[in-house]
Amino acid sequence: MNGNLKKFYESIPRYDNEYLKKRNEIIEKCGISVAIWQNWKEGKTIVPKPCKEIIAKVFEVEVETIFPNENQ
């Protein structure tokens, strides 16, 4: 489902807590809880299309980079 999200997120540098800053920005902009973020990251639930766009924008990549072959 969201296998690339976890792989992509875990590739973010850990210095200066950059990965946490990105995570928190996504949580805030999508209006979700940390638990929902975890479910998305682990592929347990589907990421809504508007949130996929937010995630891609926060990570400064195209949506297809993180969510390839997903027509949702």
PDB file of N, CA and C in Angstrom:
ATOM      1  N   MET A   1       0.837  -1.200   0.000  1.00  0.00           N
ATOM      2  CA  MET A   1       0.000   0.000   0.000  1.00  0.00           C
ATOM      3  C   MET A   1       0.874   1.254   0.000  1.00  0.00           C
ATOM      4  N   ASN A   2       1.535   1.568   1.115  1.00  0.00           N
ATOM      5  CA  ASN A   2       2.352   2.783   1.217  1.00  0.00           C
ATOM      6  C   ASN A   2       3.823   2.440   1.460  1.00  0.00           C
ATOM      7  N   GLY A   3       4.290   1.323   0.951  1.00  0.00           N
ATOM      8  CA  GLY A   3       5.639   0.862   1.254  1.00  0.00           C
ATOM      9  C   GLY A   3       6.726   1.890   1.036  1.00  0.00           C
ATOM     10  N   ASN A   4       6.564   2.705   0.018  1.00  0.00           N
ATOM     11  CA  ASN A   4       7.594   3.705  -0.263  1.00  0.00           C
ATOM     12  C   ASN A   4       7.596   4.840   0.737  1.00  0.00           C
ATOM     13  N   LEU A   5       6.477   5.113   1.377  1.00  0.00           N
ATOM     14  CA  LEU A   5       6.422   6.208   2.350  1.00  0.00           C
ATOM     15  C   LEU A   5       7.383   5.932   3.498  1.00  0.00           C
ATOM     16  N   LYS A   6       7.343   4.738   4.027  1.00  0.00           N
ATOM     17  CA  LYS A   6       8.244   4.392   5.136  1.00  0.00           C
ATOM     18  C   LYS A   6       9.703   4.452   4.677  1.00  0.00           C
ATOM     19  N   LYS A   7       9.981   3.873   3.533  1.00  0.00           N
ATOM     20  CA  LYS A   7      11.348   3.860   3.014  1.00  0.00           C
ATOM     21  C   LYS A   7      11.839   5.289   2.779  1.00  0.00           C
ATOM     22  N   PHE A   8      10.998   6.114   2.192  1.00  0.00           N
ATOM     23  CA  PHE A   8      11.365   7.499   1.912  1.00  0.00           C
ATOM     24  C   PHE A   8      11.573   8.275   3.205  1.00  0.00           C
ATOM     25  N   TYR A   9      10.634   8.145   4.141  1.00  0.00           N
ATOM     26  CA  TYR A   9      10.727   8.863   5.412  1.00  0.00           C
ATOM     27  C   TYR A   9      11.992   8.480   6.171  1.00  0.00           C
ATOM     28  N   GLU A  10      12.308   7.201   6.192  1.00  0.00           N
ATOM     29  CA  GLU A  10      13.478   6.749   6.940  1.00  0.00           C
ATOM     30  C   GLU A  10      14.791   7.147   6.283  1.00  0.00           C
ATOM     31  N   SER A  11      14.733   7.628   5.048  1.00  0.00           N
ATOM     32  CA  SER A  11      15.963   8.076   4.382  1.00  0.00           C
ATOM     33  C   SER A  11      16.289   9.533   4.691  1.00  0.00           C
ATOM     34  N   ILE A  12      15.392  10.235   5.377  1.00  0.00           N
ATOM     35  CA  ILE A  12      15.611  11.640   5.709  1.00  0.00           C
ATOM     36  C   ILE A  12      16.700  11.738   6.777  1.00  0.00           C
ATOM     37  N   PRO A  13      17.606  12.686   6.632  1.00  0.00           N
ATOM     38  CA  PRO A  13      18.686  12.841   7.614  1.00  0.00           C
ATOM     39  C   PRO A  13      18.162  13.003   9.044  1.00  0.00           C
ATOM     40  N   ARG A  14      18.881  12.422   9.982  1.00  0.00           N
ATOM     41  CA  ARG A  14      18.493  12.487  11.388  1.00  0.00           C
ATOM     42  C   ARG A  14      19.103  13.690  12.108  1.00  0.00           C
ATOM     43  N   TYR A  15      20.077  14.351  11.479  1.00  0.00           N
ATOM     44  CA  TYR A  15      20.684  15.495  12.140  1.00  0.00           C
ATOM     45  C   TYR A  15      19.668  16.627  12.256  1.00  0.00           C
ATOM     46  N   ASP A  16      19.786  17.399  13.312  1.00  0.00           N
ATOM     47  CA  ASP A  16      18.879  18.513  13.600  1.00  0.00           C
ATOM     48  C   ASP A  16      17.408  18.102  13.613  1.00  0.00           C
ATOM     49  N   ASN A  17      17.150  16.813  13.826  1.00  0.00           N
ATOM     50  CA  ASN A  17      15.778  16.289  13.869  1.00  0.00           C
ATOM     51  C   ASN A  17      14.968  16.653  12.630  1.00  0.00           C
ATOM     52  N   GLU A  18      15.629  16.680  11.489  1.00  0.00           N
ATOM     53  CA  GLU A  18      14.962  17.043  10.234  1.00  0.00           C
ATOM     54  C   GLU A  18      13.755  16.135   9.959  1.00  0.00           C
ATOM     55  N   TYR A  19      13.912  14.840  10.216  1.00  0.00           N
ATOM     56  CA  TYR A  19      12.815  13.905   9.971  1.00  0.00           C
ATOM     57  C   TYR A  19      11.612  14.204  10.860  1.00  0.00           C
ATOM     58  N   LEU A  20      11.858  14.613  12.113  1.00  0.00           N
ATOM     59  CA  LEU A  20      10.745  14.947  13.012  1.00  0.00           C
ATOM     60  C   LEU A  20      10.066  16.245  12.590  1.00  0.00           C
ATOM     61  N   LYS A  21      10.848  17.185  12.110  1.00  0.00           N
ATOM     62  CA  LYS A  21      10.268  18.446  11.620  1.00  0.00           C
ATOM     63  C   LYS A  21       9.339  18.173  10.445  1.00  0.00           C
ATOM     64  N   LYS A  22       9.786  17.325   9.528  1.00  0.00           N
ATOM     65  CA  LYS A  22       8.960  16.978   8.364  1.00  0.00           C
ATOM     66  C   LYS A  22       7.701  16.237   8.813  1.00  0.00           C
ATOM     67  N   ARG A  23       7.858  15.274   9.701  1.00  0.00           N
ATOM     68  CA  ARG A  23       6.719  14.519  10.207  1.00  0.00           C
ATOM     69  C   ARG A  23       5.712  15.453  10.856  1.00  0.00           C
ATOM     70  N   ASN A  24       6.176  16.344  11.707  1.00  0.00           N
ATOM     71  CA  ASN A  24       5.279  17.258  12.408  1.00  0.00           C
ATOM     72  C   ASN A  24       4.575  18.215  11.448  1.00  0.00           C
ATOM     73  N   GLU A  25       5.279  18.641  10.417  1.00  0.00           N
ATOM     74  CA  GLU A  25       4.662  19.517   9.420  1.00  0.00           C
ATOM     75  C   GLU A  25       3.538  18.777   8.680  1.00  0.00           C
ATOM     76  N   ILE A  26       3.787  17.533   8.334  1.00  0.00           N
ATOM     77  CA  ILE A  26       2.763  16.724   7.660  1.00  0.00           C
ATOM     78  C   ILE A  26       1.566  16.518   8.578  1.00  0.00           C
ATOM     79  N   ILE A  27       1.818  16.192   9.824  1.00  0.00           N
ATOM     80  CA  ILE A  27       0.741  15.972  10.794  1.00  0.00           C
ATOM     81  C   ILE A  27      -0.114  17.229  10.922  1.00  0.00           C
ATOM     82  N   GLU A  28       0.535  18.363  11.016  1.00  0.00           N
ATOM     83  CA  GLU A  28      -0.190  19.619  11.168  1.00  0.00           C
ATOM     84  C   GLU A  28      -0.994  19.956   9.905  1.00  0.00           C
ATOM     85  N   LYS A  29      -0.351  19.887   8.746  1.00  0.00           N
ATOM     86  CA  LYS A  29      -1.015  20.277   7.504  1.00  0.00           C
ATOM     87  C   LYS A  29      -2.132  19.316   7.105  1.00  0.00           C
ATOM     88  N   CYS A  30      -1.993  18.045   7.456  1.00  0.00           N
ATOM     89  CA  CYS A  30      -3.034  17.059   7.134  1.00  0.00           C
ATOM     90  C   CYS A  30      -4.103  16.990   8.218  1.00  0.00           C
ATOM     91  N   GLY A  31      -3.826  17.587   9.379  1.00  0.00           N
ATOM     92  CA  GLY A  31      -4.787  17.566  10.472  1.00  0.00           C
ATOM     93  C   GLY A  31      -5.007  16.178  11.034  1.00  0.00           C
ATOM     94  N   ILE A  32      -3.912  15.454  11.224  1.00  0.00           N
ATOM     95  CA  ILE A  32      -3.990  14.076  11.710  1.00  0.00           C
ATOM     96  C   ILE A  32      -3.230  13.930  13.022  1.00  0.00           C
ATOM     97  N   SER A  33      -3.361  12.773  13.633  1.00  0.00           N
ATOM     98  CA  SER A  33      -2.627  12.466  14.859  1.00  0.00           C
ATOM     99  C   SER A  33      -1.346  11.708  14.515  1.00  0.00           C
ATOM    100  N   VAL A  34      -0.482  11.584  15.498  1.00  0.00           N
ATOM    101  CA  VAL A  34       0.744  10.801  15.317  1.00  0.00           C
ATOM    102  C   VAL A  34       0.381   9.351  15.003  1.00  0.00           C
ATOM    103  N   ALA A  35      -0.663   8.844  15.625  1.00  0.00           N
ATOM    104  CA  ALA A  35      -1.088   7.460  15.384  1.00  0.00           C
ATOM    105  C   ALA A  35      -1.488   7.243  13.921  1.00  0.00           C
ATOM    106  N   ILE A  36      -2.197   8.197  13.350  1.00  0.00           N
ATOM    107  CA  ILE A  36      -2.579   8.080  11.939  1.00  0.00           C
ATOM    108  C   ILE A  36      -1.331   8.135  11.065  1.00  0.00           C
ATOM    109  N   TRP A  37      -0.404   9.039  11.379  1.00  0.00           N
ATOM    110  CA  TRP A  37       0.857   9.096  10.638  1.00  0.00           C
ATOM    111  C   TRP A  37       1.553   7.740  10.672  1.00  0.00           C
ATOM    112  N   GLN A  38       1.620   7.145  11.859  1.00  0.00           N
ATOM    113  CA  GLN A  38       2.267   5.836  12.000  1.00  0.00           C
ATOM    114  C   GLN A  38       1.565   4.792  11.127  1.00  0.00           C
ATOM    115  N   ASN A  39       0.243   4.805  11.120  1.00  0.00           N
ATOM    116  CA  ASN A  39      -0.503   3.852  10.301  1.00  0.00           C
ATOM    117  C   ASN A  39      -0.207   4.050   8.816  1.00  0.00           C
ATOM    118  N   TRP A  40      -0.134   5.305   8.379  1.00  0.00           N
ATOM    119  CA  TRP A  40       0.207   5.586   6.987  1.00  0.00           C
ATOM    120  C   TRP A  40       1.604   5.084   6.682  1.00  0.00           C
ATOM    121  N   LYS A  41       2.534   5.416   7.556  1.00  0.00           N
ATOM    122  CA  LYS A  41       3.936   5.061   7.336  1.00  0.00           C
ATOM    123  C   LYS A  41       4.129   3.547   7.280  1.00  0.00           C
ATOM    124  N   GLU A  42       3.405   2.835   8.112  1.00  0.00           N
ATOM    125  CA  GLU A  42       3.524   1.380   8.171  1.00  0.00           C
ATOM    126  C   GLU A  42       2.672   0.688   7.107  1.00  0.00           C
ATOM    127  N   GLY A  43       1.909   1.465   6.345  1.00  0.00           N
ATOM    128  CA  GLY A  43       1.093   0.886   5.290  1.00  0.00           C
ATOM    129  C   GLY A  43      -0.173   0.216   5.786  1.00  0.00           C
ATOM    130  N   LYS A  44      -0.604   0.567   6.982  1.00  0.00           N
ATOM    131  CA  LYS A  44      -1.807  -0.049   7.565  1.00  0.00           C
ATOM    132  C   LYS A  44      -3.094   0.601   7.064  1.00  0.00           C
ATOM    133  N   THR A  45      -3.012   1.862   6.672  1.00  0.00           N
ATOM    134  CA  THR A  45      -4.181   2.574   6.157  1.00  0.00           C
ATOM    135  C   THR A  45      -3.791   3.370   4.923  1.00  0.00           C
ATOM    136  N   ILE A  46      -4.784   3.687   4.130  1.00  0.00           N
ATOM    137  CA  ILE A  46      -4.566   4.423   2.887  1.00  0.00           C
ATOM    138  C   ILE A  46      -4.404   5.917   3.177  1.00  0.00           C
ATOM    139  N   VAL A  47      -3.461   6.528   2.503  1.00  0.00           N
ATOM    140  CA  VAL A  47      -3.248   7.969   2.604  1.00  0.00           C
ATOM    141  C   VAL A  47      -4.196   8.637   1.606  1.00  0.00           C
ATOM    142  N   PRO A  48      -5.067   9.526   2.063  1.00  0.00           N
ATOM    143  CA  PRO A  48      -5.963  10.219   1.133  1.00  0.00           C
ATOM    144  C   PRO A  48      -5.170  11.044   0.116  1.00  0.00           C
ATOM    145  N   LYS A  49      -5.729  11.161  -1.087  1.00  0.00           N
ATOM    146  CA  LYS A  49      -5.039  11.873  -2.169  1.00  0.00           C
ATOM    147  C   LYS A  49      -4.599  13.287  -1.779  1.00  0.00           C
ATOM    148  N   PRO A  50      -5.454  14.100  -1.124  1.00  0.00           N
ATOM    149  CA  PRO A  50      -4.985  15.451  -0.750  1.00  0.00           C
ATOM    150  C   PRO A  50      -3.771  15.406   0.178  1.00  0.00           C
ATOM    151  N   CYS A  51      -3.717  14.413   1.039  1.00  0.00           N
ATOM    152  CA  CYS A  51      -2.584  14.303   1.966  1.00  0.00           C
ATOM    153  C   CYS A  51      -1.331  13.790   1.257  1.00  0.00           C
ATOM    154  N   LYS A  52      -1.525  12.970   0.227  1.00  0.00           N
ATOM    155  CA  LYS A  52      -0.367  12.543  -0.571  1.00  0.00           C
ATOM    156  C   LYS A  52       0.300  13.766  -1.182  1.00  0.00           C
ATOM    157  N   GLU A  53      -0.520  14.688  -1.652  1.00  0.00           N
ATOM    158  CA  GLU A  53       0.009  15.905  -2.259  1.00  0.00           C
ATOM    159  C   GLU A  53       0.740  16.765  -1.226  1.00  0.00           C
ATOM    160  N   ILE A  54       0.184  16.836  -0.022  1.00  0.00           N
ATOM    161  CA  ILE A  54       0.838  17.585   1.063  1.00  0.00           C
ATOM    162  C   ILE A  54       2.171  16.944   1.419  1.00  0.00           C
ATOM    163  N   ILE A  55       2.181  15.628   1.549  1.00  0.00           N
ATOM    164  CA  ILE A  55       3.408  14.899   1.899  1.00  0.00           C
ATOM    165  C   ILE A  55       4.483  15.151   0.848  1.00  0.00           C
ATOM    166  N   ALA A  56       4.112  15.045  -0.410  1.00  0.00           N
ATOM    167  CA  ALA A  56       5.075  15.272  -1.491  1.00  0.00           C
ATOM    168  C   ALA A  56       5.613  16.701  -1.450  1.00  0.00           C
ATOM    169  N   LYS A  57       4.734  17.654  -1.171  1.00  0.00           N
ATOM    170  CA  LYS A  57       5.162  19.053  -1.109  1.00  0.00           C
ATOM    171  C   LYS A  57       6.136  19.274   0.058  1.00  0.00           C
ATOM    172  N   VAL A  58       5.839  18.687   1.218  1.00  0.00           N
ATOM    173  CA  VAL A  58       6.725  18.820   2.381  1.00  0.00           C
ATOM    174  C   VAL A  58       8.098  18.214   2.084  1.00  0.00           C
ATOM    175  N   PHE A  59       8.105  17.065   1.399  1.00  0.00           N
ATOM    176  CA  PHE A  59       9.369  16.401   1.076  1.00  0.00           C
ATOM    177  C   PHE A  59      10.007  16.946  -0.206  1.00  0.00           C
ATOM    178  N   GLU A  60       9.320  17.894  -0.855  1.00  0.00           N
ATOM    179  CA  GLU A  60       9.831  18.547  -2.057  1.00  0.00           C
ATOM    180  C   GLU A  60      10.137  17.563  -3.183  1.00  0.00           C
ATOM    181  N   VAL A  61       9.185  16.656  -3.415  1.00  0.00           N
ATOM    182  CA  VAL A  61       9.282  15.683  -4.508  1.00  0.00           C
ATOM    183  C   VAL A  61       7.918  15.570  -5.184  1.00  0.00           C
ATOM    184  N   GLU A  62       7.878  14.875  -6.289  1.00  0.00           N
ATOM    185  CA  GLU A  62       6.622  14.600  -6.962  1.00  0.00           C
ATOM    186  C   GLU A  62       5.872  13.509  -6.200  1.00  0.00           C
ATOM    187  N   VAL A  63       4.562  13.539  -6.272  1.00  0.00           N
ATOM    188  CA  VAL A  63       3.731  12.541  -5.575  1.00  0.00           C
ATOM    189  C   VAL A  63       4.145  11.128  -5.983  1.00  0.00           C
ATOM    190  N   GLU A  64       4.420  10.923  -7.272  1.00  0.00           N
ATOM    191  CA  GLU A  64       4.765   9.597  -7.781  1.00  0.00           C
ATOM    192  C   GLU A  64       6.074   9.060  -7.197  1.00  0.00           C
ATOM    193  N   THR A  65       6.919   9.941  -6.694  1.00  0.00           N
ATOM    194  CA  THR A  65       8.176   9.510  -6.087  1.00  0.00           C
ATOM    195  C   THR A  65       7.909   8.699  -4.824  1.00  0.00           C
ATOM    196  N   ILE A  66       6.913   9.114  -4.064  1.00  0.00           N
ATOM    197  CA  ILE A  66       6.589   8.442  -2.810  1.00  0.00           C
ATOM    198  C   ILE A  66       5.463   7.435  -2.998  1.00  0.00           C
ATOM    199  N   PHE A  67       4.531   7.759  -3.868  1.00  0.00           N
ATOM    200  CA  PHE A  67       3.343   6.910  -4.078  1.00  0.00           C
ATOM    201  C   PHE A  67       3.244   6.489  -5.542  1.00  0.00           C
ATOM    202  N   PRO A  68       4.176   5.681  -6.033  1.00  0.00           N
ATOM    203  CA  PRO A  68       4.115   5.278  -7.430  1.00  0.00           C
ATOM    204  C   PRO A  68       2.988   4.272  -7.679  1.00  0.00           C
ATOM    205  N   ASN A  69       2.427   4.345  -8.846  1.00  0.00           N
ATOM    206  CA  ASN A  69       1.411   3.371  -9.263  1.00  0.00           C
ATOM    207  C   ASN A  69       0.202   3.312  -8.352  1.00  0.00           C
ATOM    208  N   GLU A  70      -0.134   4.383  -7.717  1.00  0.00           N
ATOM    209  CA  GLU A  70      -1.319   4.425  -6.874  1.00  0.00           C
ATOM    210  C   GLU A  70      -2.308   5.403  -7.499  1.00  0.00           C
ATOM    211  N   ASN A  71      -3.409   4.904  -7.928  1.00  0.00           N
ATOM    212  CA  ASN A  71      -4.419   5.729  -8.574  1.00  0.00           C
ATOM    213  C   ASN A  71      -5.531   6.089  -7.607  1.00  0.00           C
ATOM    214  N   GLN A  72      -5.146   6.705  -6.505  1.00  0.00           N
ATOM    215  CA  GLN A  72      -6.143   7.059  -5.492  1.00  0.00           C
ATOM    216  C   GLN A  72      -6.157   8.542  -5.318  1.00  0.00           C
TER     217      GLN A  72
END
